[in-house]
Amino acid sequence: EIVHLALTPSTLSREDIFTDVRVLLVEDEPINLTLGEALLDEYSFKVATAENGLEAVNITEKQEFDIILMDIQMPEMNGFEATQAIRDREKKLSRHTPIVALTAHAISGYAEKCLAAGMDGYLTKPIQAERLFEMIERQLTKTALVVDDNQVNQRVAIRILADKGWKVASAENGQQALNACK
């Protein structure tokens, strides 16, 4: 039996979640790069750019980012190769930066290919502002599962975590928690 638990939303606003967020925008097409920067400017993200995957890998060796928006088809090193290189380095550092694929490929199975390659999300071009902001918010908001058979303890833990910006699910016992994680 799989239990799907409802999430208590974070009490933080989108503006709070987006405060001081460092974004690496990786895009080889100048018009898409300009559009991406303009969209990200709406929430005053701290944006760095790279024009290909190799440049993105080099930048991430010197600088940390909160999220990476990665085009897939680029010269020198594509988005899949760049993601693999970044993930290989992150394993050694015990770190994980969300990487969201930006692609014109809206074909069946392509999102799964991106996720299997180590990316955390997938957006199709042309990028729509609200879908972009929803994806960034989802990637940056932490999620917790509170497991306790005492309802009062659950409510207190949920409230504390939600006030700190976490989305929270709860379970009354270990079996419910394990089933929810499948």
Protein backbone atom coordinates (compact mmCIF):
# COMPACT_ATOMS: atom_id res chain seq x y z
CA GLU A 1 0.00 0.00 0.00
CA ILE A 2 1.47 3.35 -1.05
CA VAL A 3 0.45 6.30 1.09
CA HIS A 4 0.59 9.73 -0.52
CA LEU A 5 0.94 12.34 2.18
CA ALA A 6 -0.21 15.93 1.82
CA LEU A 7 2.49 18.56 2.10
CA THR A 8 2.15 21.51 4.43
CA PRO A 9 3.43 24.45 2.36
CA SER A 10 6.30 26.64 3.44
CA THR A 11 5.24 29.87 5.11
CA LEU A 12 7.96 31.76 3.21
CA SER A 13 6.96 33.91 0.26
CA ARG A 14 8.52 33.42 -3.14
CA GLU A 15 10.42 36.67 -2.63
CA ASP A 16 11.88 35.30 0.63
CA ILE A 17 12.87 32.01 -1.01
CA PHE A 18 14.52 33.86 -3.91
CA THR A 19 16.54 36.27 -1.75
CA ASP A 20 20.26 36.16 -2.59
CA VAL A 21 19.86 33.13 -4.88
CA ARG A 22 22.86 32.55 -7.15
CA VAL A 23 21.87 31.22 -10.59
CA LEU A 24 24.12 29.94 -13.34
CA LEU A 25 22.35 30.30 -16.69
CA VAL A 26 23.98 28.13 -19.36
CA GLU A 27 22.79 28.96 -22.87
CA ASP A 28 24.57 29.27 -26.22
CA GLU A 29 21.88 31.24 -28.10
CA PRO A 30 22.30 35.00 -27.43
CA ILE A 31 18.55 35.73 -27.66
CA ASN A 32 17.71 32.95 -25.17
CA LEU A 33 20.47 34.16 -22.87
CA THR A 34 19.10 37.71 -22.97
CA LEU A 35 15.54 36.46 -22.36
CA GLY A 36 16.68 34.26 -19.48
CA GLU A 37 18.55 37.10 -17.82
CA ALA A 38 15.52 39.40 -18.21
CA LEU A 39 13.21 36.82 -16.61
CA LEU A 40 15.60 36.19 -13.72
CA ASP A 41 15.98 39.92 -13.18
CA GLU A 42 12.30 40.04 -12.14
CA TYR A 43 13.30 38.58 -8.74
CA SER A 44 16.80 40.09 -8.64
CA PHE A 45 18.60 36.76 -8.80
CA LYS A 46 22.38 36.94 -8.79
CA VAL A 47 22.98 35.62 -12.32
CA ALA A 48 26.18 34.37 -13.89
CA THR A 49 26.17 33.07 -17.46
CA ALA A 50 28.02 30.50 -19.51
CA GLU A 51 27.73 30.03 -23.27
CA ASN A 52 28.46 26.29 -23.32
CA GLY A 53 28.83 23.28 -21.05
CA LEU A 54 32.61 23.47 -20.81
CA GLU A 55 32.41 27.07 -19.63
CA ALA A 56 29.73 26.04 -17.10
CA VAL A 57 31.94 23.29 -15.68
CA ASN A 58 34.86 25.71 -15.36
CA ILE A 59 32.72 28.35 -13.64
CA THR A 60 31.29 25.84 -11.15
CA GLU A 61 34.81 24.81 -10.18
CA LYS A 62 35.46 28.37 -8.97
CA GLN A 63 32.03 29.45 -7.75
CA GLU A 64 29.06 27.85 -5.97
CA PHE A 65 25.51 28.32 -7.21
CA ASP A 66 22.13 27.63 -5.68
CA ILE A 67 20.72 26.41 -9.00
CA ILE A 68 21.91 25.85 -12.55
CA LEU A 69 19.67 26.34 -15.59
CA MET A 70 21.28 24.20 -18.30
CA ASP A 71 20.64 24.25 -22.05
CA ILE A 72 21.09 20.80 -23.57
CA GLN A 73 22.35 21.31 -27.13
CA MET A 74 25.47 23.47 -27.06
CA PRO A 75 28.87 23.51 -28.75
CA GLU A 76 32.06 22.22 -27.08
CA MET A 77 30.20 20.32 -24.33
CA ASN A 78 26.46 19.64 -24.26
CA GLY A 79 24.22 19.88 -21.20
CA PHE A 80 24.31 16.14 -20.48
CA GLU A 81 28.12 16.07 -20.50
CA ALA A 82 28.35 19.21 -18.39
CA THR A 83 25.86 17.83 -15.87
CA GLN A 84 27.87 14.59 -15.60
CA ALA A 85 31.11 16.52 -15.03
CA ILE A 86 29.47 18.71 -12.37
CA ARG A 87 27.89 15.67 -10.64
CA ASP A 88 31.23 13.79 -10.65
CA ARG A 89 32.91 16.71 -8.90
CA GLU A 90 30.01 17.20 -6.47
CA LYS A 91 30.25 13.55 -5.35
CA LYS A 92 33.77 14.24 -4.14
CA LEU A 93 32.57 17.37 -2.30
CA SER A 94 29.36 15.82 -0.86
CA ARG A 95 27.36 18.60 -2.47
CA HIS A 96 24.37 18.71 -4.82
CA THR A 97 23.34 21.75 -6.84
CA PRO A 98 19.94 21.51 -8.55
CA ILE A 99 20.34 21.47 -12.33
CA VAL A 100 17.29 22.17 -14.49
CA ALA A 101 17.37 21.25 -18.17
CA LEU A 102 16.26 23.93 -20.64
CA THR A 103 15.46 22.36 -23.98
CA ALA A 104 13.43 22.73 -27.15
CA HIS A 105 12.81 18.95 -27.09
CA ALA A 106 9.25 18.40 -25.92
CA ILE A 107 9.17 14.78 -27.10
CA SER A 108 7.93 11.89 -25.00
CA GLY A 109 10.61 10.43 -22.74
CA TYR A 110 13.01 13.37 -22.99
CA ALA A 111 12.27 14.64 -19.48
CA GLU A 112 13.07 11.17 -18.14
CA LYS A 113 16.33 11.18 -20.11
CA CYS A 114 17.29 14.48 -18.47
CA LEU A 115 16.45 13.18 -14.99
CA ALA A 116 18.36 9.93 -15.62
CA ALA A 117 21.37 12.04 -16.63
CA GLY A 118 21.45 13.64 -13.18
CA MET A 119 19.33 16.72 -13.76
CA ASP A 120 16.71 17.66 -11.17
CA GLY A 121 14.11 19.23 -13.43
CA TYR A 122 13.14 19.91 -17.02
CA LEU A 123 11.63 22.91 -18.79
CA THR A 124 10.83 23.26 -22.47
CA LYS A 125 11.57 26.33 -24.53
CA PRO A 126 10.29 28.88 -25.04
CA ILE A 127 10.61 29.39 -21.29
CA GLN A 128 7.46 30.73 -19.65
CA ALA A 129 8.15 32.98 -16.67
CA GLU A 130 5.73 31.39 -14.21
CA ARG A 131 6.84 27.83 -15.04
CA LEU A 132 10.47 28.92 -14.57
CA PHE A 133 9.77 30.52 -11.20
CA GLU A 134 7.71 27.52 -10.03
CA MET A 135 10.57 25.20 -10.97
CA ILE A 136 13.18 27.33 -9.18
CA GLU A 137 10.96 27.56 -6.09
CA ARG A 138 10.40 23.78 -6.10
CA GLN A 139 14.13 23.10 -6.44
CA LEU A 140 15.11 25.53 -3.68
CA THR A 141 12.44 24.60 -1.12
CA LYS A 142 13.50 21.83 1.23
CA THR A 143 11.03 19.03 1.99
CA ALA A 144 10.83 17.08 5.26
CA LEU A 145 8.89 14.06 6.46
CA VAL A 146 7.92 14.18 10.16
CA VAL A 147 7.22 10.75 11.63
CA ASP A 148 5.58 10.72 15.08
CA ASP A 149 2.49 9.00 16.47
CA ASN A 150 1.80 11.98 18.73
CA GLN A 151 -0.33 14.53 16.84
CA VAL A 152 0.79 17.43 19.04
CA ASN A 153 4.45 16.68 18.35
CA GLN A 154 3.67 16.42 14.64
CA ARG A 155 1.91 19.79 14.56
CA VAL A 156 4.73 21.51 16.48
CA ALA A 157 7.42 20.05 14.21
CA ILE A 158 5.44 20.90 11.06
CA ARG A 159 4.91 24.48 12.21
CA ILE A 160 8.58 25.00 13.08
CA LEU A 161 9.81 23.56 9.77
CA ALA A 162 7.18 25.39 7.69
CA ASP A 163 8.14 28.68 9.36
CA LYS A 164 11.76 28.03 8.35
CA GLY A 165 10.73 27.57 4.72
CA TRP A 166 10.35 23.77 4.51
CA LYS A 167 7.49 21.92 2.86
CA VAL A 168 6.49 19.21 5.33
CA ALA A 169 4.69 15.88 5.12
CA SER A 170 3.87 13.77 8.17
CA ALA A 171 3.31 10.11 8.99
CA GLU A 172 2.11 8.45 12.17
CA ASN A 173 4.45 5.47 11.99
CA GLY A 174 7.47 4.04 10.26
CA GLN A 175 5.47 1.89 7.87
CA GLN A 176 3.49 4.91 6.61
CA ALA A 177 6.74 6.81 6.18
CA LEU A 178 8.38 3.98 4.22
CA ASN A 179 5.32 3.57 2.01
CA ALA A 180 5.21 7.32 1.33
CA CYS A 181 8.84 7.25 0.19
CA LYS A 182 8.34 4.51 -2.44
